Amino acid sequence: MAKRTVFLLQLLLVVYGVNVPASAKICRLLGQPALPQLAVQKDINIGAIFSFHKSALLKIQPFTSKPKPTICGSFNSLRGFKYAQTLIFAIEEINNSTQLLPGVSLGYKIYDSCSSIPQTVMSGMSLMNGYEETLTDTSCSRPPAVHAIVGESNSSPTIALASLVGPFSIPV
């Protein structure tokens, strides 16, 4: 399917004589890269989005410049942090066992959602794409940065996350 799409796009470029500059062929990350709060890279990486903060401070955007990164409000009474620590403990226990996944180690990337659906969606995009600002030609069609995502404890952000990553066959 993807080969046919690329072929059709190339055919349109040839037929209509459109020149694409070399800089447009490089895969670029739009916007600011969102770095995880906690991360360890291994053979297989699992993403997670937890709410470390109670709320995101919302601003009215004038749309005359790029929006600033979201600022999170007060700390969420350690609930999300406990979830993150539990996930890290489980992954370390799996990695330390010689019987569960021999020869394979699990890593994690954990993001803070600030109890905000837009922040959850942005974190989900970061988990799918990674956070390198300039990518190579082959990275535009590489597999996702994580193989599965552990969703929020609240259902609304998790439904939004599942709707986002579901078409890319990433389980939530």
C-alpha atoms as a PDB file:
ATOM      1  CA  MET A   1       0.000   0.000   0.000  1.00  0.00           C
ATOM      2  CA  ALA A   2       2.737   2.472   0.989  1.00  0.00           C
ATOM      3  CA  LYS A   3       4.775   1.675  -2.122  1.00  0.00           C
ATOM      4  CA  ARG A   4       1.758   2.454  -4.312  1.00  0.00           C
ATOM      5  CA  THR A   5       1.209   5.770  -2.556  1.00  0.00           C
ATOM      6  CA  VAL A   6       4.843   6.786  -2.981  1.00  0.00           C
ATOM      7  CA  PHE A   7       4.735   5.756  -6.640  1.00  0.00           C
ATOM      8  CA  LEU A   8       1.576   7.802  -7.265  1.00  0.00           C
ATOM      9  CA  LEU A   9       3.080  10.856  -5.574  1.00  0.00           C
ATOM     10  CA  GLN A  10       6.237  10.536  -7.648  1.00  0.00           C
ATOM     11  CA  LEU A  11       4.156  10.154 -10.788  1.00  0.00           C
ATOM     12  CA  LEU A  12       2.225  13.330  -9.967  1.00  0.00           C
ATOM     13  CA  LEU A  13       5.475  15.186  -9.403  1.00  0.00           C
ATOM     14  CA  VAL A  14       6.814  14.066 -12.772  1.00  0.00           C
ATOM     15  CA  VAL A  15       3.577  14.777 -14.657  1.00  0.00           C
ATOM     16  CA  TYR A  16       3.060  18.251 -13.219  1.00  0.00           C
ATOM     17  CA  GLY A  17       6.773  19.107 -13.171  1.00  0.00           C
ATOM     18  CA  VAL A  18       6.819  20.108  -9.524  1.00  0.00           C
ATOM     19  CA  ASN A  19      10.288  20.438  -8.048  1.00  0.00           C
ATOM     20  CA  VAL A  20      10.597  19.439  -4.418  1.00  0.00           C
ATOM     21  CA  PRO A  21      13.552  21.054  -2.642  1.00  0.00           C
ATOM     22  CA  ALA A  22      16.005  18.698  -0.931  1.00  0.00           C
ATOM     23  CA  SER A  23      15.159  20.175   2.490  1.00  0.00           C
ATOM     24  CA  ALA A  24      11.505  19.134   2.091  1.00  0.00           C
ATOM     25  CA  LYS A  25      12.496  15.477   1.704  1.00  0.00           C
ATOM     26  CA  ILE A  26      13.920  15.302   5.219  1.00  0.00           C
ATOM     27  CA  CYS A  27      11.481  14.103   7.819  1.00  0.00           C
ATOM     28  CA  ARG A  28      11.198  16.833  10.494  1.00  0.00           C
ATOM     29  CA  LEU A  29       9.449  16.959  13.806  1.00  0.00           C
ATOM     30  CA  LEU A  30       6.881  19.747  13.849  1.00  0.00           C
ATOM     31  CA  GLY A  31       6.793  21.692  17.097  1.00  0.00           C
ATOM     32  CA  GLN A  32       8.895  21.177  20.175  1.00  0.00           C
ATOM     33  CA  PRO A  33      10.065  17.695  21.155  1.00  0.00           C
ATOM     34  CA  ALA A  34       8.423  16.508  24.362  1.00  0.00           C
ATOM     35  CA  LEU A  35      10.896  14.669  26.548  1.00  0.00           C
ATOM     36  CA  PRO A  36       9.720  11.990  28.986  1.00  0.00           C
ATOM     37  CA  GLN A  37       9.902  12.609  32.722  1.00  0.00           C
ATOM     38  CA  LEU A  38      11.405   9.152  33.339  1.00  0.00           C
ATOM     39  CA  ALA A  39      13.092   7.021  30.667  1.00  0.00           C
ATOM     40  CA  VAL A  40      15.445   4.095  30.143  1.00  0.00           C
ATOM     41  CA  GLN A  41      16.127   2.859  26.577  1.00  0.00           C
ATOM     42  CA  LYS A  42      16.404  -0.925  26.116  1.00  0.00           C
ATOM     43  CA  ASP A  43      15.644  -3.560  23.451  1.00  0.00           C
ATOM     44  CA  ILE A  44      11.858  -3.252  23.788  1.00  0.00           C
ATOM     45  CA  ASN A  45      10.397  -0.023  25.176  1.00  0.00           C
ATOM     46  CA  ILE A  46       7.039   0.443  26.879  1.00  0.00           C
ATOM     47  CA  GLY A  47       5.450   3.869  27.074  1.00  0.00           C
ATOM     48  CA  ALA A  48       3.347   5.144  29.936  1.00  0.00           C
ATOM     49  CA  ILE A  49       1.338   8.284  30.598  1.00  0.00           C
ATOM     50  CA  PHE A  50       0.443   9.080  34.194  1.00  0.00           C
ATOM     51  CA  SER A  51      -0.913  12.174  35.873  1.00  0.00           C
ATOM     52  CA  PHE A  52       1.801  13.541  38.170  1.00  0.00           C
ATOM     53  CA  HIS A  53       0.072  16.951  38.388  1.00  0.00           C
ATOM     54  CA  LYS A  54      -3.569  17.884  39.036  1.00  0.00           C
ATOM     55  CA  SER A  55      -4.090  20.273  36.140  1.00  0.00           C
ATOM     56  CA  ALA A  56      -2.503  22.021  33.199  1.00  0.00           C
ATOM     57  CA  LEU A  57      -2.451  25.804  33.273  1.00  0.00           C
ATOM     58  CA  LEU A  58      -4.374  26.750  30.154  1.00  0.00           C
ATOM     59  CA  LYS A  59      -3.525  29.913  28.246  1.00  0.00           C
ATOM     60  CA  ILE A  60      -5.345  31.709  25.474  1.00  0.00           C
ATOM     61  CA  GLN A  61      -3.120  31.370  22.413  1.00  0.00           C
ATOM     62  CA  PRO A  62      -2.949  34.376  20.027  1.00  0.00           C
ATOM     63  CA  PHE A  63      -1.895  32.130  17.068  1.00  0.00           C
ATOM     64  CA  THR A  64       0.753  34.661  16.052  1.00  0.00           C
ATOM     65  CA  SER A  65       3.622  32.446  17.216  1.00  0.00           C
ATOM     66  CA  LYS A  66       4.274  28.867  18.269  1.00  0.00           C
ATOM     67  CA  PRO A  67       2.529  28.043  21.535  1.00  0.00           C
ATOM     68  CA  LYS A  68       4.702  27.618  24.590  1.00  0.00           C
ATOM     69  CA  PRO A  69       4.921  24.189  26.251  1.00  0.00           C
ATOM     70  CA  THR A  70       2.159  23.337  28.702  1.00  0.00           C
ATOM     71  CA  ILE A  71       2.835  24.279  32.317  1.00  0.00           C
ATOM     72  CA  CYS A  72       1.449  21.875  34.880  1.00  0.00           C
ATOM     73  CA  GLY A  73      -0.261  22.943  38.102  1.00  0.00           C
ATOM     74  CA  SER A  74       0.063  21.494  41.592  1.00  0.00           C
ATOM     75  CA  PHE A  75       1.421  18.036  42.378  1.00  0.00           C
ATOM     76  CA  ASN A  76      -1.176  15.220  42.426  1.00  0.00           C
ATOM     77  CA  SER A  77      -0.619  13.760  45.919  1.00  0.00           C
ATOM     78  CA  LEU A  78       1.892  11.145  44.702  1.00  0.00           C
ATOM     79  CA  ARG A  79      -0.778   8.970  43.015  1.00  0.00           C
ATOM     80  CA  GLY A  80       0.681   9.133  39.495  1.00  0.00           C
ATOM     81  CA  PHE A  81       4.212   8.916  40.848  1.00  0.00           C
ATOM     82  CA  LYS A  82       3.287   5.684  42.663  1.00  0.00           C
ATOM     83  CA  TYR A  83       1.951   4.262  39.381  1.00  0.00           C
ATOM     84  CA  ALA A  84       5.213   5.163  37.664  1.00  0.00           C
ATOM     85  CA  GLN A  85       7.286   3.572  40.422  1.00  0.00           C
ATOM     86  CA  THR A  86       5.156   0.416  40.230  1.00  0.00           C
ATOM     87  CA  LEU A  87       5.701   0.187  36.460  1.00  0.00           C
ATOM     88  CA  ILE A  88       9.456   0.704  36.865  1.00  0.00           C
ATOM     89  CA  PHE A  89       9.592  -1.950  39.601  1.00  0.00           C
ATOM     90  CA  ALA A  90       7.698  -4.474  37.429  1.00  0.00           C
ATOM     91  CA  ILE A  91       9.975  -3.816  34.422  1.00  0.00           C
ATOM     92  CA  GLU A  92      13.109  -4.184  36.561  1.00  0.00           C
ATOM     93  CA  GLU A  93      11.800  -7.450  38.018  1.00  0.00           C
ATOM     94  CA  ILE A  94      11.176  -8.787  34.485  1.00  0.00           C
ATOM     95  CA  ASN A  95      14.645  -7.676  33.376  1.00  0.00           C
ATOM     96  CA  ASN A  96      16.298  -9.296  36.421  1.00  0.00           C
ATOM     97  CA  SER A  97      14.588 -12.631  35.812  1.00  0.00           C
ATOM     98  CA  THR A  98      16.502 -15.085  33.623  1.00  0.00           C
ATOM     99  CA  GLN A  99      13.358 -17.089  32.871  1.00  0.00           C
ATOM    100  CA  LEU A 100      10.803 -14.480  31.744  1.00  0.00           C
ATOM    101  CA  LEU A 101      12.511 -12.763  28.779  1.00  0.00           C
ATOM    102  CA  PRO A 102      15.959 -14.289  28.297  1.00  0.00           C
ATOM    103  CA  GLY A 103      18.224 -12.169  26.120  1.00  0.00           C
ATOM    104  CA  VAL A 104      15.730  -9.277  25.915  1.00  0.00           C
ATOM    105  CA  SER A 105      15.517  -6.265  28.196  1.00  0.00           C
ATOM    106  CA  LEU A 106      12.577  -3.916  28.654  1.00  0.00           C
ATOM    107  CA  GLY A 107      12.829  -0.153  28.810  1.00  0.00           C
ATOM    108  CA  TYR A 108      10.300   2.565  29.543  1.00  0.00           C
ATOM    109  CA  LYS A 109       9.356   6.128  28.683  1.00  0.00           C
ATOM    110  CA  ILE A 110       6.994   7.764  31.168  1.00  0.00           C
ATOM    111  CA  TYR A 111       5.209  11.065  30.496  1.00  0.00           C
ATOM    112  CA  ASP A 112       3.139  13.373  32.699  1.00  0.00           C
ATOM    113  CA  SER A 113      -0.346  14.145  31.373  1.00  0.00           C
ATOM    114  CA  CYS A 114      -1.110  16.931  33.886  1.00  0.00           C
ATOM    115  CA  SER A 115      -4.662  15.495  34.034  1.00  0.00           C
ATOM    116  CA  SER A 116      -5.208  17.067  30.625  1.00  0.00           C
ATOM    117  CA  ILE A 117      -6.546  15.347  27.506  1.00  0.00           C
ATOM    118  CA  PRO A 118      -4.512  17.555  25.102  1.00  0.00           C
ATOM    119  CA  GLN A 119      -1.343  16.839  27.084  1.00  0.00           C
ATOM    120  CA  THR A 120      -2.153  13.104  26.995  1.00  0.00           C
ATOM    121  CA  VAL A 121      -2.555  13.241  23.211  1.00  0.00           C
ATOM    122  CA  MET A 122       0.727  15.142  22.843  1.00  0.00           C
ATOM    123  CA  SER A 123       2.497  12.588  25.030  1.00  0.00           C
ATOM    124  CA  GLY A 124       1.004   9.775  22.950  1.00  0.00           C
ATOM    125  CA  MET A 125       2.361  11.393  19.785  1.00  0.00           C
ATOM    126  CA  SER A 126       5.787  11.653  21.417  1.00  0.00           C
ATOM    127  CA  LEU A 127       5.651   7.987  22.387  1.00  0.00           C
ATOM    128  CA  MET A 128       4.858   7.013  18.803  1.00  0.00           C
ATOM    129  CA  ASN A 129       7.372   9.291  17.086  1.00  0.00           C
ATOM    130  CA  GLY A 130      10.267   9.643  19.478  1.00  0.00           C
ATOM    131  CA  TYR A 131      11.788  13.036  20.179  1.00  0.00           C
ATOM    132  CA  GLU A 132      14.600  13.560  17.681  1.00  0.00           C
ATOM    133  CA  GLU A 133      14.071  16.928  15.996  1.00  0.00           C
ATOM    134  CA  THR A 134      15.554  16.039  12.578  1.00  0.00           C
ATOM    135  CA  LEU A 135      15.008  12.527  11.343  1.00  0.00           C
ATOM    136  CA  THR A 136      16.579  10.568   8.515  1.00  0.00           C
ATOM    137  CA  ASP A 137      14.689   9.511   5.386  1.00  0.00           C
ATOM    138  CA  THR A 138      14.301   5.975   6.741  1.00  0.00           C
ATOM    139  CA  SER A 139      12.965   7.128  10.113  1.00  0.00           C
ATOM    140  CA  CYS A 140       9.782   8.455   8.488  1.00  0.00           C
ATOM    141  CA  SER A 141       8.675   4.865   7.955  1.00  0.00           C
ATOM    142  CA  ARG A 142      10.293   3.222  10.996  1.00  0.00           C
ATOM    143  CA  PRO A 143       8.304   1.353  13.641  1.00  0.00           C
ATOM    144  CA  PRO A 144       7.004   3.350  16.614  1.00  0.00           C
ATOM    145  CA  ALA A 145       9.334   4.352  19.448  1.00  0.00           C
ATOM    146  CA  VAL A 146       7.387   2.156  21.916  1.00  0.00           C
ATOM    147  CA  HIS A 147       5.663  -1.202  21.497  1.00  0.00           C
ATOM    148  CA  ALA A 148       2.808  -0.617  23.962  1.00  0.00           C
ATOM    149  CA  ILE A 149       1.453   2.203  26.096  1.00  0.00           C
ATOM    150  CA  VAL A 150       0.136   2.038  29.650  1.00  0.00           C
ATOM    151  CA  GLY A 151      -2.637   4.598  29.777  1.00  0.00           C
ATOM    152  CA  GLU A 152      -3.869   7.026  32.354  1.00  0.00           C
ATOM    153  CA  SER A 153      -5.929   5.919  35.339  1.00  0.00           C
ATOM    154  CA  ASN A 154      -8.792   8.163  34.135  1.00  0.00           C
ATOM    155  CA  SER A 155     -10.925   6.924  31.253  1.00  0.00           C
ATOM    156  CA  SER A 156     -11.370  10.119  29.166  1.00  0.00           C
ATOM    157  CA  PRO A 157      -7.648  10.714  28.474  1.00  0.00           C
ATOM    158  CA  THR A 158      -7.135   6.994  27.875  1.00  0.00           C
ATOM    159  CA  ILE A 159      -9.996   6.898  25.341  1.00  0.00           C
ATOM    160  CA  ALA A 160      -8.404   9.840  23.515  1.00  0.00           C
ATOM    161  CA  LEU A 161      -5.026   8.091  23.627  1.00  0.00           C
ATOM    162  CA  ALA A 162      -6.444   4.798  22.353  1.00  0.00           C
ATOM    163  CA  SER A 163      -8.195   6.616  19.494  1.00  0.00           C
ATOM    164  CA  LEU A 164      -4.900   8.248  18.549  1.00  0.00           C
ATOM    165  CA  VAL A 165      -2.578   5.247  18.628  1.00  0.00           C
ATOM    166  CA  GLY A 166      -5.062   2.513  17.698  1.00  0.00           C
ATOM    167  CA  PRO A 167      -4.761   2.999  13.911  1.00  0.00           C
ATOM    168  CA  PHE A 168      -0.990   2.482  14.273  1.00  0.00           C
ATOM    169  CA  SER A 169      -1.491  -0.912  15.998  1.00  0.00           C
ATOM    170  CA  ILE A 170      -0.046   0.182  19.321  1.00  0.00           C
ATOM    171  CA  PRO A 171      -1.901  -1.452  22.206  1.00  0.00           C
ATOM    172  CA  VAL A 172      -3.036   0.701  25.145  1.00  0.00           C
END
